[in-house]
Amino acid sequence: MACNPEILRQVPLFALLDDDETAVLAGQVEVKSFGARQRIYKIGEPGGQAYVMVSGSVRLTTIDEDHQEVVADAAPDHGHRPRRNRLP
C-alpha cells in the first residue's frame, strides 16, 4: 500500500524532494504504526528495512550480560530521525 505524499512532506529528510520525486518515493514506502513497547526489530533477525519516524518516540534497547534491558539510544517525540537496523 503506497504512502500519502503529504506524510513524506512532513519529514525534514525529504524536504528537498520535488513533487515528482516525492510521488515516486511515496509509491515505494508504506506507513506502519506501532503500539507502545511493541518490538520493531529483534537482534539476529534479517534487516533489509529502514524506518523514518514521523511522530511518536522510539527506544533502541538491548539486553546486557546480567539480562537487564539497557537503553542504547532514544529519539524523542517528533524526532524525524532515520532508523536503520544498527545491531548485527
Protein backbone atom coordinates (compact mmCIF):
# COMPACT_ATOMS: atom_id res chain seq x y z
CA MET A 1 0.00 0.00 0.00
CA ALA A 2 1.51 3.32 -1.07
CA CYS A 3 2.16 6.18 1.33
CA ASN A 4 0.37 9.52 1.05
CA PRO A 5 2.97 12.04 -0.25
CA GLU A 6 1.73 14.59 2.30
CA ILE A 7 3.09 12.40 5.08
CA LEU A 8 6.56 12.46 3.50
CA ARG A 9 6.44 16.24 3.17
CA GLN A 10 6.30 16.47 6.99
CA VAL A 11 9.72 14.82 7.27
CA PRO A 12 12.74 17.18 7.01
CA LEU A 13 14.81 14.36 5.45
CA PHE A 14 12.63 14.61 2.33
CA ALA A 15 12.16 18.41 2.29
CA LEU A 16 14.24 18.98 -0.86
CA LEU A 17 12.31 16.48 -2.98
CA ASP A 18 10.08 17.95 -5.69
CA ASP A 19 6.51 16.74 -6.24
CA ASP A 20 7.51 14.05 -8.76
CA GLU A 21 10.30 12.69 -6.55
CA THR A 22 8.01 12.68 -3.52
CA ALA A 23 5.35 10.79 -5.50
CA VAL A 24 7.90 8.16 -6.61
CA LEU A 25 9.13 7.71 -3.03
CA ALA A 26 5.56 7.53 -1.71
CA GLY A 27 4.88 4.67 -4.10
CA GLN A 28 7.82 2.71 -2.69
CA VAL A 29 7.20 3.04 1.05
CA GLU A 30 4.43 2.12 3.43
CA VAL A 31 3.24 3.69 6.65
CA LYS A 32 3.37 1.44 9.69
CA SER A 33 2.10 2.17 13.16
CA PHE A 34 3.48 0.51 16.26
CA GLY A 35 2.00 0.33 19.73
CA ALA A 36 3.75 1.34 22.93
CA ARG A 37 6.67 -1.01 23.72
CA GLN A 38 5.99 -3.00 20.55
CA ARG A 39 9.14 -4.62 19.19
CA ILE A 40 10.05 -3.47 15.69
CA TYR A 41 13.22 -5.49 15.27
CA LYS A 42 14.91 -8.23 17.27
CA ILE A 43 18.65 -8.79 17.23
CA GLY A 44 19.54 -11.67 14.93
CA GLU A 45 16.57 -11.16 12.60
CA PRO A 46 17.33 -10.27 8.98
CA GLY A 47 17.34 -6.50 8.40
CA GLY A 48 16.59 -5.06 5.00
CA GLN A 49 14.26 -2.29 6.15
CA ALA A 50 14.68 1.27 7.30
CA TYR A 51 12.25 3.27 9.40
CA VAL A 52 11.62 7.02 9.42
CA MET A 53 9.74 8.19 12.45
CA VAL A 54 7.00 10.66 11.52
CA SER A 55 5.53 11.00 15.00
CA GLY A 56 5.94 9.45 18.41
CA SER A 57 9.10 8.25 20.07
CA VAL A 58 11.33 5.21 19.87
CA ARG A 59 13.86 3.47 22.13
CA LEU A 60 16.62 1.16 20.99
CA THR A 61 17.30 -1.38 23.71
CA THR A 62 19.46 -4.43 24.19
CA ILE A 63 19.98 -6.99 26.93
CA ASP A 64 23.29 -6.92 28.83
CA GLU A 65 25.27 -9.79 30.38
CA ASP A 66 23.15 -9.58 33.53
CA HIS A 67 19.97 -9.98 31.43
CA GLN A 68 18.95 -6.40 32.15
CA GLU A 69 17.36 -4.20 29.49
CA VAL A 70 19.67 -1.32 28.55
CA VAL A 71 18.58 1.70 26.51
CA ALA A 72 21.18 2.10 23.75
CA ASP A 73 19.52 5.07 22.01
CA ALA A 74 16.28 7.03 22.12
CA ALA A 75 14.59 9.54 19.85
CA PRO A 76 12.10 11.93 21.42
CA ASP A 77 8.63 12.70 20.14
CA HIS A 78 8.73 14.01 16.55
CA GLY A 79 12.40 13.13 16.23
CA HIS A 80 12.28 12.65 12.43
CA ARG A 81 15.45 10.59 12.70
CA PRO A 82 16.08 7.89 10.14
CA ARG A 83 16.29 4.48 11.77
CA ARG A 84 18.16 1.52 10.43
CA ASN A 85 18.87 -1.82 12.00
CA ARG A 86 22.11 -0.95 13.79
CA LEU A 87 22.66 -4.13 15.71
CA PRO A 88 24.26 -7.15 14.00
